[in-house]
Amino acid sequence: AIRRGVVESAREALVGTPWRNRALLDAHGVARAAIEELAVTFGGKVISPLLWYLLFGLPGLSLSRMAALLQEQWGLGQPEFGAGARRLHEIVNGIPAR
């Protein structure tokens, strides 16, 4: 969409991401936001499970996936109940992200 010059369409692709101010972004800002979102998703969905699998085998892979699922189900929108799920997810994905 950016190549075609339709920045508004590119901004709409950022819906569902943490970028709340996407309406204020120019074409370069939208590209940077998309690249950052891609990097974060790649780290959480590919690098983290791979690292834990290489270190601990199937139990490590299961731990990584369980932390992601708990955070998706309970960690979002429930501040008092989802704190543990969010913290576990931060630890499990934070180590490979470094």
Protein backbone atom coordinates (compact mmCIF):
# COMPACT_ATOMS: atom_id res chain seq x y z
CA ALA A 1 0.00 0.00 0.00
CA ILE A 2 2.88 2.37 0.72
CA ARG A 3 4.46 1.65 -2.66
CA ARG A 4 1.17 2.47 -4.35
CA GLY A 5 1.00 5.70 -2.36
CA VAL A 6 -2.07 4.72 -0.34
CA VAL A 7 -0.84 5.54 3.16
CA GLU A 8 -4.33 5.34 4.68
CA SER A 9 -4.63 1.71 3.61
CA ALA A 10 -1.21 0.99 5.10
CA ARG A 11 -2.32 2.61 8.36
CA GLU A 12 -5.35 0.32 8.48
CA ALA A 13 -3.00 -2.67 8.33
CA LEU A 14 -1.74 -1.60 11.77
CA VAL A 15 -5.18 -2.14 13.36
CA GLY A 16 -4.85 -4.68 16.17
CA THR A 17 -1.28 -3.71 16.97
CA PRO A 18 -0.09 -1.62 19.91
CA TRP A 19 0.26 1.41 17.60
CA ARG A 20 -2.63 3.57 18.82
CA ASN A 21 -1.40 6.73 17.10
CA ARG A 22 -1.28 5.21 13.63
CA ALA A 23 -3.43 8.03 12.19
CA LEU A 24 -0.56 10.45 12.89
CA LEU A 25 2.11 8.37 11.13
CA ASP A 26 3.46 9.31 7.73
CA ALA A 27 4.56 6.67 5.18
CA HIS A 28 7.96 6.19 6.84
CA GLY A 29 6.38 5.93 10.29
CA VAL A 30 3.92 3.31 9.06
CA ALA A 31 6.79 1.33 7.55
CA ARG A 32 8.79 1.53 10.80
CA ALA A 33 5.75 0.47 12.84
CA ALA A 34 5.11 -2.49 10.54
CA ILE A 35 8.75 -3.60 10.72
CA GLU A 36 8.74 -3.34 14.50
CA GLU A 37 5.51 -5.33 14.75
CA LEU A 38 6.97 -7.97 12.43
CA ALA A 39 10.14 -8.22 14.55
CA VAL A 40 8.19 -8.55 17.82
CA THR A 41 5.88 -11.18 16.35
CA PHE A 42 8.80 -13.11 14.83
CA GLY A 43 10.62 -13.10 18.15
CA GLY A 44 7.59 -14.27 20.10
CA LYS A 45 6.27 -16.84 17.64
CA VAL A 46 9.48 -18.26 16.15
CA ILE A 47 12.64 -17.38 18.08
CA SER A 48 11.31 -17.92 21.61
CA PRO A 49 9.81 -21.39 21.00
CA LEU A 50 12.89 -22.41 19.03
CA LEU A 51 15.26 -21.35 21.80
CA TRP A 52 13.29 -23.10 24.52
CA TYR A 53 13.02 -26.22 22.34
CA LEU A 54 16.77 -26.26 21.75
CA LEU A 55 17.49 -25.81 25.47
CA PHE A 56 14.90 -28.14 27.00
CA GLY A 57 13.33 -30.11 24.16
CA LEU A 58 9.59 -30.68 24.02
CA PRO A 59 8.95 -29.46 27.61
CA GLY A 60 10.64 -26.15 26.75
CA LEU A 61 8.54 -25.78 23.62
CA SER A 62 5.42 -26.57 25.63
CA LEU A 63 6.35 -23.98 28.26
CA SER A 64 6.82 -21.30 25.60
CA ARG A 65 3.50 -22.08 23.94
CA MET A 66 1.68 -22.31 27.28
CA ALA A 67 2.98 -18.89 28.34
CA ALA A 68 1.80 -17.38 25.06
CA LEU A 69 -1.65 -18.96 25.32
CA LEU A 70 -2.12 -17.91 28.96
CA GLN A 71 -1.18 -14.36 28.12
CA GLU A 72 -3.55 -14.28 25.12
CA GLN A 73 -6.47 -15.68 27.11
CA TRP A 74 -6.04 -14.13 30.55
CA GLY A 75 -3.30 -11.53 30.33
CA LEU A 76 -5.20 -9.05 28.19
CA GLY A 77 -8.03 -7.03 29.65
CA GLN A 78 -8.00 -8.55 33.14
CA PRO A 79 -5.50 -6.57 35.19
CA GLU A 80 -5.89 -8.36 38.52
CA PHE A 81 -6.29 -11.92 37.25
CA GLY A 82 -3.94 -11.81 34.29
CA ALA A 83 -0.90 -10.36 36.06
CA GLY A 84 0.72 -13.75 36.55
CA ALA A 85 0.10 -14.76 32.95
CA ARG A 86 1.56 -11.48 31.68
CA ARG A 87 4.62 -11.82 33.90
CA LEU A 88 5.27 -15.42 32.81
CA HIS A 89 4.96 -14.36 29.18
CA GLU A 90 7.38 -11.46 29.74
CA ILE A 91 9.96 -13.80 31.28
CA VAL A 92 9.62 -16.55 28.70
CA ASN A 93 9.79 -14.16 25.72
CA GLY A 94 12.10 -11.63 27.36
CA ILE A 95 15.05 -13.96 27.65
CA PRO A 96 15.21 -14.82 23.92
CA ALA A 97 14.47 -11.21 22.97
CA ARG A 98 17.65 -10.04 24.66
